[in-house]
Amino acid sequence: MTDWQAVGYGFVVMFLVGAIGLAIPGLGQLTAGLVGGFVAGYVAGGGLVRGFWHGLLAGSLGGLIVGVLLWGAIALVGLAGGPVGGAAGGLAGFGVFAVVALLALVMAAESAVAGAVGAVLKS
């Protein structure tokens, strides 16, 4: 069973480290995924597979939420150009969402590995 509290903690840590990573060169988003996944796996505990699962959820959740928010923001900006601008903004937003979703899969993969390590260290 999924421990959504562990996933939430991992997501929040990932978000905070990612925000700091934007301001501090060298820290970056890779570190955010690793730390957030580790936290999710550590809080969930229960072994390798359980930690992997919770790290995967924390990593993918963050990326997908950001992607949907960017899609909506770009579509809203496009509405300033009328109906045609709204359609163009929606299409451009979907393109951005697709790229962010692909990056979320990459972030989720490394978060999953870090989650597995965190769960094993807790055991």
N, C-alpha and C. Protein backbone atom coordinates (compact mmCIF):
# COMPACT_ATOMS: atom_id res chain seq x y z
N MET A 1 0.85 -1.18 0.00
CA MET A 1 0.00 0.00 0.00
C MET A 1 0.89 1.25 0.00
N THR A 2 0.47 2.22 -0.74
CA THR A 2 1.26 3.45 -0.89
C THR A 2 1.09 4.34 0.34
N ASP A 3 2.21 4.81 0.85
CA ASP A 3 2.23 5.74 1.97
C ASP A 3 2.31 7.16 1.36
N TRP A 4 1.15 7.78 1.22
CA TRP A 4 1.11 9.08 0.56
C TRP A 4 1.78 10.17 1.38
N GLN A 5 1.88 9.97 2.67
CA GLN A 5 2.60 10.93 3.50
C GLN A 5 4.09 10.93 3.12
N ALA A 6 4.64 9.74 2.91
CA ALA A 6 6.04 9.63 2.49
C ALA A 6 6.24 10.28 1.12
N VAL A 7 5.31 10.05 0.20
CA VAL A 7 5.38 10.66 -1.13
C VAL A 7 5.30 12.18 -1.01
N GLY A 8 4.41 12.66 -0.15
CA GLY A 8 4.28 14.11 0.07
C GLY A 8 5.54 14.73 0.64
N TYR A 9 6.15 14.06 1.62
CA TYR A 9 7.40 14.57 2.18
C TYR A 9 8.49 14.62 1.11
N GLY A 10 8.58 13.56 0.32
CA GLY A 10 9.57 13.54 -0.74
C GLY A 10 9.34 14.64 -1.76
N PHE A 11 8.08 14.86 -2.11
CA PHE A 11 7.75 15.91 -3.07
C PHE A 11 8.10 17.29 -2.52
N VAL A 12 7.76 17.55 -1.26
CA VAL A 12 8.05 18.86 -0.66
C VAL A 12 9.56 19.09 -0.59
N VAL A 13 10.30 18.07 -0.18
CA VAL A 13 11.76 18.21 -0.12
C VAL A 13 12.32 18.45 -1.52
N MET A 14 11.80 17.71 -2.49
CA MET A 14 12.24 17.88 -3.87
C MET A 14 11.96 19.30 -4.36
N PHE A 15 10.80 19.82 -4.03
CA PHE A 15 10.43 21.17 -4.44
C PHE A 15 11.36 22.20 -3.79
N LEU A 16 11.61 22.06 -2.50
CA LEU A 16 12.45 23.03 -1.80
C LEU A 16 13.90 22.98 -2.28
N VAL A 17 14.45 21.79 -2.42
CA VAL A 17 15.82 21.67 -2.90
C VAL A 17 15.92 22.15 -4.34
N GLY A 18 14.89 21.89 -5.14
CA GLY A 18 14.88 22.38 -6.52
C GLY A 18 14.84 23.89 -6.59
N ALA A 19 14.07 24.51 -5.71
CA ALA A 19 14.00 25.98 -5.68
C ALA A 19 15.35 26.57 -5.27
N ILE A 20 15.99 25.94 -4.30
CA ILE A 20 17.32 26.39 -3.89
C ILE A 20 18.32 26.13 -5.01
N GLY A 21 18.14 25.01 -5.72
CA GLY A 21 19.04 24.65 -6.81
C GLY A 21 18.99 25.64 -7.97
N LEU A 22 17.88 26.35 -8.13
CA LEU A 22 17.81 27.37 -9.17
C LEU A 22 18.68 28.57 -8.83
N ALA A 23 18.85 28.83 -7.54
CA ALA A 23 19.60 30.00 -7.10
C ALA A 23 21.09 29.70 -6.87
N ILE A 24 21.41 28.44 -6.58
CA ILE A 24 22.80 28.07 -6.27
C ILE A 24 23.34 27.19 -7.39
N PRO A 25 24.29 27.69 -8.16
CA PRO A 25 24.85 26.88 -9.24
C PRO A 25 25.53 25.61 -8.68
N GLY A 26 25.37 24.53 -9.40
CA GLY A 26 26.01 23.28 -8.99
C GLY A 26 25.09 22.36 -8.22
N LEU A 27 24.06 22.89 -7.59
CA LEU A 27 23.15 22.04 -6.83
C LEU A 27 22.17 21.38 -7.79
N GLY A 28 21.45 22.15 -8.55
CA GLY A 28 20.63 21.66 -9.64
C GLY A 28 19.47 20.77 -9.30
N GLN A 29 18.75 20.37 -10.35
CA GLN A 29 17.54 19.57 -10.21
C GLN A 29 17.84 18.10 -9.99
N LEU A 30 18.99 17.64 -10.43
CA LEU A 30 19.36 16.25 -10.19
C LEU A 30 19.49 15.99 -8.69
N THR A 31 20.09 16.92 -7.99
CA THR A 31 20.21 16.79 -6.54
C THR A 31 18.84 16.80 -5.89
N ALA A 32 17.94 17.63 -6.39
CA ALA A 32 16.59 17.70 -5.83
C ALA A 32 15.88 16.35 -5.97
N GLY A 33 16.00 15.73 -7.13
CA GLY A 33 15.38 14.42 -7.34
C GLY A 33 15.98 13.35 -6.44
N LEU A 34 17.29 13.38 -6.28
CA LEU A 34 17.94 12.38 -5.43
C LEU A 34 17.54 12.54 -3.96
N VAL A 35 17.58 13.77 -3.47
CA VAL A 35 17.26 14.02 -2.07
C VAL A 35 15.78 13.75 -1.79
N GLY A 36 14.90 14.22 -2.67
CA GLY A 36 13.46 13.99 -2.48
C GLY A 36 13.10 12.51 -2.54
N GLY A 37 13.67 11.78 -3.49
CA GLY A 37 13.43 10.35 -3.58
C GLY A 37 13.95 9.60 -2.37
N PHE A 38 15.12 10.00 -1.89
CA PHE A 38 15.69 9.39 -0.69
C PHE A 38 14.77 9.59 0.51
N VAL A 39 14.27 10.82 0.67
CA VAL A 39 13.37 11.11 1.78
C VAL A 39 12.09 10.28 1.68
N ALA A 40 11.52 10.20 0.49
CA ALA A 40 10.29 9.41 0.31
C ALA A 40 10.53 7.95 0.65
N GLY A 41 11.63 7.39 0.18
CA GLY A 41 11.94 6.00 0.48
C GLY A 41 12.25 5.76 1.94
N TYR A 42 12.97 6.70 2.54
CA TYR A 42 13.34 6.56 3.95
C TYR A 42 12.10 6.61 4.84
N VAL A 43 11.21 7.56 4.56
CA VAL A 43 10.00 7.70 5.37
C VAL A 43 9.10 6.48 5.18
N ALA A 44 9.00 5.97 3.96
CA ALA A 44 8.15 4.81 3.69
C ALA A 44 8.75 3.54 4.29
N GLY A 45 10.08 3.40 4.20
CA GLY A 45 10.73 2.19 4.72
C GLY A 45 10.22 0.93 4.04
N GLY A 46 10.44 -0.21 4.65
CA GLY A 46 9.87 -1.45 4.18
C GLY A 46 10.65 -2.21 3.13
N GLY A 47 11.82 -1.79 2.79
CA GLY A 47 12.63 -2.55 1.85
C GLY A 47 12.83 -1.87 0.51
N LEU A 48 13.56 -2.58 -0.32
CA LEU A 48 14.01 -2.05 -1.60
C LEU A 48 12.87 -1.66 -2.55
N VAL A 49 11.93 -2.56 -2.76
CA VAL A 49 10.85 -2.31 -3.72
C VAL A 49 9.92 -1.21 -3.23
N ARG A 50 9.61 -1.22 -1.95
CA ARG A 50 8.73 -0.18 -1.39
C ARG A 50 9.38 1.19 -1.49
N GLY A 51 10.66 1.28 -1.20
CA GLY A 51 11.37 2.54 -1.33
C GLY A 51 11.45 3.01 -2.77
N PHE A 52 11.69 2.05 -3.69
CA PHE A 52 11.72 2.36 -5.12
C PHE A 52 10.40 2.97 -5.57
N TRP A 53 9.30 2.34 -5.16
CA TRP A 53 7.96 2.80 -5.53
C TRP A 53 7.67 4.21 -5.02
N HIS A 54 7.99 4.46 -3.77
CA HIS A 54 7.69 5.76 -3.19
C HIS A 54 8.59 6.86 -3.78
N GLY A 55 9.85 6.55 -4.06
CA GLY A 55 10.71 7.52 -4.72
C GLY A 55 10.23 7.83 -6.13
N LEU A 56 9.75 6.79 -6.83
CA LEU A 56 9.22 6.97 -8.18
C LEU A 56 7.99 7.88 -8.16
N LEU A 57 7.09 7.65 -7.21
CA LEU A 57 5.89 8.49 -7.12
C LEU A 57 6.24 9.94 -6.79
N ALA A 58 7.15 10.13 -5.84
CA ALA A 58 7.53 11.49 -5.46
C ALA A 58 8.16 12.24 -6.63
N GLY A 59 9.02 11.58 -7.37
CA GLY A 59 9.68 12.22 -8.51
C GLY A 59 8.73 12.53 -9.64
N SER A 60 7.86 11.61 -9.98
CA SER A 60 6.96 11.84 -11.10
C SER A 60 5.85 12.82 -10.74
N LEU A 61 5.40 12.81 -9.50
CA LEU A 61 4.36 13.73 -9.07
C LEU A 61 4.81 15.18 -9.22
N GLY A 62 6.00 15.45 -8.78
CA GLY A 62 6.52 16.82 -8.88
C GLY A 62 6.62 17.30 -10.31
N GLY A 63 7.15 16.47 -11.18
CA GLY A 63 7.31 16.86 -12.57
C GLY A 63 5.98 17.04 -13.28
N LEU A 64 5.03 16.18 -13.01
CA LEU A 64 3.73 16.30 -13.67
C LEU A 64 2.94 17.51 -13.19
N ILE A 65 3.02 17.81 -11.92
CA ILE A 65 2.34 19.00 -11.40
C ILE A 65 2.92 20.27 -12.03
N VAL A 66 4.23 20.34 -12.10
CA VAL A 66 4.87 21.50 -12.72
C VAL A 66 4.48 21.60 -14.20
N GLY A 67 4.43 20.46 -14.89
CA GLY A 67 4.05 20.46 -16.30
C GLY A 67 2.65 20.97 -16.53
N VAL A 68 1.72 20.52 -15.71
CA VAL A 68 0.32 20.97 -15.86
C VAL A 68 0.20 22.47 -15.55
N LEU A 69 0.92 22.93 -14.54
CA LEU A 69 0.87 24.36 -14.21
C LEU A 69 1.45 25.21 -15.34
N LEU A 70 2.55 24.77 -15.94
CA LEU A 70 3.13 25.51 -17.05
C LEU A 70 2.19 25.52 -18.25
N TRP A 71 1.56 24.40 -18.52
CA TRP A 71 0.62 24.31 -19.64
C TRP A 71 -0.51 25.33 -19.44
N GLY A 72 -1.07 25.36 -18.24
CA GLY A 72 -2.15 26.31 -17.95
C GLY A 72 -1.71 27.75 -18.06
N ALA A 73 -0.51 28.04 -17.55
CA ALA A 73 -0.01 29.41 -17.60
C ALA A 73 0.22 29.88 -19.03
N ILE A 74 0.80 29.02 -19.85
CA ILE A 74 1.04 29.40 -21.24
C ILE A 74 -0.28 29.56 -22.00
N ALA A 75 -1.24 28.71 -21.72
CA ALA A 75 -2.55 28.82 -22.37
C ALA A 75 -3.24 30.12 -21.96
N LEU A 76 -3.13 30.50 -20.70
CA LEU A 76 -3.74 31.76 -20.25
C LEU A 76 -3.09 32.97 -20.89
N VAL A 77 -1.78 32.93 -21.02
CA VAL A 77 -1.08 34.04 -21.68
C VAL A 77 -1.52 34.12 -23.14
N GLY A 78 -1.72 32.97 -23.77
CA GLY A 78 -2.18 32.97 -25.16
C GLY A 78 -3.56 33.56 -25.33
N LEU A 79 -4.40 33.48 -24.31
CA LEU A 79 -5.76 34.05 -24.40
C LEU A 79 -5.75 35.56 -24.59
N ALA A 80 -4.66 36.20 -24.24
CA ALA A 80 -4.56 37.65 -24.45
C ALA A 80 -4.59 37.98 -25.94
N GLY A 81 -4.26 37.02 -26.78
CA GLY A 81 -4.28 37.24 -28.22
C GLY A 81 -5.60 36.86 -28.86
N GLY A 82 -6.63 36.68 -28.07
CA GLY A 82 -7.94 36.32 -28.61
C GLY A 82 -8.06 34.82 -28.82
N PRO A 83 -9.08 34.40 -29.55
CA PRO A 83 -9.32 32.96 -29.75
C PRO A 83 -8.17 32.25 -30.45
N VAL A 84 -7.60 32.90 -31.46
CA VAL A 84 -6.47 32.27 -32.17
C VAL A 84 -5.25 32.18 -31.25
N GLY A 85 -5.02 33.24 -30.51
CA GLY A 85 -3.91 33.23 -29.54
C GLY A 85 -4.12 32.20 -28.46
N GLY A 86 -5.38 32.03 -28.04
CA GLY A 86 -5.68 31.01 -27.03
C GLY A 86 -5.40 29.61 -27.53
N ALA A 87 -5.78 29.35 -28.79
CA ALA A 87 -5.51 28.04 -29.38
C ALA A 87 -4.00 27.82 -29.53
N ALA A 88 -3.29 28.85 -29.99
CA ALA A 88 -1.84 28.74 -30.14
C ALA A 88 -1.17 28.55 -28.77
N GLY A 89 -1.66 29.29 -27.77
CA GLY A 89 -1.12 29.14 -26.43
C GLY A 89 -1.38 27.76 -25.87
N GLY A 90 -2.56 27.21 -26.14
CA GLY A 90 -2.86 25.86 -25.69
C GLY A 90 -1.96 24.82 -26.32
N LEU A 91 -1.72 24.97 -27.63
CA LEU A 91 -0.82 24.05 -28.31
C LEU A 91 0.62 24.18 -27.82
N ALA A 92 1.07 25.42 -27.66
CA ALA A 92 2.42 25.64 -27.15
C ALA A 92 2.54 25.09 -25.73
N GLY A 93 1.50 25.31 -24.94
CA GLY A 93 1.50 24.78 -23.57
C GLY A 93 1.55 23.27 -23.55
N PHE A 94 0.85 22.62 -24.48
CA PHE A 94 0.91 21.17 -24.55
C PHE A 94 2.31 20.69 -24.91
N GLY A 95 2.97 21.40 -25.80
CA GLY A 95 4.35 21.05 -26.14
C GLY A 95 5.27 21.16 -24.94
N VAL A 96 5.10 22.22 -24.17
CA VAL A 96 5.89 22.38 -22.94
C VAL A 96 5.56 21.27 -21.95
N PHE A 97 4.27 20.93 -21.83
CA PHE A 97 3.87 19.85 -20.94
C PHE A 97 4.53 18.53 -21.34
N ALA A 98 4.56 18.25 -22.65
CA ALA A 98 5.17 17.00 -23.12
C ALA A 98 6.65 16.94 -22.76
N VAL A 99 7.35 18.04 -22.94
CA VAL A 99 8.78 18.07 -22.59
C VAL A 99 8.96 17.90 -21.09
N VAL A 100 8.16 18.60 -20.30
CA VAL A 100 8.27 18.51 -18.84
C VAL A 100 7.91 17.10 -18.36
N ALA A 101 6.91 16.48 -18.98
CA ALA A 101 6.54 15.11 -18.61
C ALA A 101 7.68 14.14 -18.92
N LEU A 102 8.37 14.34 -20.02
CA LEU A 102 9.53 13.50 -20.35
C LEU A 102 10.64 13.70 -19.32
N LEU A 103 10.88 14.95 -18.95
CA LEU A 103 11.88 15.22 -17.92
C LEU A 103 11.44 14.65 -16.56
N ALA A 104 10.14 14.62 -16.32
CA ALA A 104 9.64 14.05 -15.07
C ALA A 104 9.95 12.56 -14.99
N LEU A 105 9.89 11.89 -16.13
CA LEU A 105 10.25 10.46 -16.14
C LEU A 105 11.71 10.26 -15.78
N VAL A 106 12.57 11.13 -16.29
CA VAL A 106 13.99 11.04 -15.95
C VAL A 106 14.19 11.32 -14.46
N MET A 107 13.53 12.35 -13.96
CA MET A 107 13.65 12.68 -12.55
C MET A 107 13.06 11.57 -11.68
N ALA A 108 12.00 10.95 -12.15
CA ALA A 108 11.38 9.88 -11.39
C ALA A 108 12.28 8.66 -11.32
N ALA A 109 13.03 8.38 -12.38
CA ALA A 109 13.92 7.23 -12.39
C ALA A 109 15.02 7.38 -11.34
N GLU A 110 15.65 8.53 -11.30
CA GLU A 110 16.70 8.72 -10.30
C GLU A 110 16.13 8.86 -8.89
N SER A 111 14.93 9.39 -8.76
CA SER A 111 14.28 9.45 -7.46
C SER A 111 13.93 8.06 -6.96
N ALA A 112 13.55 7.19 -7.88
CA ALA A 112 13.21 5.82 -7.50
C ALA A 112 14.42 5.08 -6.96
N VAL A 113 15.56 5.25 -7.60
CA VAL A 113 16.78 4.60 -7.12
C VAL A 113 17.17 5.15 -5.75
N ALA A 114 17.07 6.47 -5.60
CA ALA A 114 17.39 7.08 -4.30
C ALA A 114 16.40 6.64 -3.24
N GLY A 115 15.12 6.46 -3.61
CA GLY A 115 14.12 5.96 -2.66
C GLY A 115 14.44 4.55 -2.20
N ALA A 116 14.90 3.72 -3.11
CA ALA A 116 15.28 2.35 -2.74
C ALA A 116 16.45 2.36 -1.76
N VAL A 117 17.42 3.23 -2.01
CA VAL A 117 18.55 3.34 -1.08
C VAL A 117 18.08 3.84 0.29
N GLY A 118 17.20 4.84 0.29
CA GLY A 118 16.69 5.36 1.56
C GLY A 118 15.93 4.31 2.36
N ALA A 119 15.12 3.50 1.69
CA ALA A 119 14.36 2.47 2.39
C ALA A 119 15.28 1.38 2.94
N VAL A 120 16.31 1.02 2.19
CA VAL A 120 17.24 0.00 2.66
C VAL A 120 18.04 0.52 3.86
N LEU A 121 18.44 1.79 3.82
CA LEU A 121 19.18 2.35 4.96
C LEU A 121 18.33 2.45 6.21
N LYS A 122 17.02 2.61 6.05
CA LYS A 122 16.14 2.68 7.22
C LYS A 122 15.98 1.31 7.86
N SER A 123 15.99 0.28 7.04
CA SER A 123 15.76 -1.08 7.55
C SER A 123 16.87 -1.58 8.44
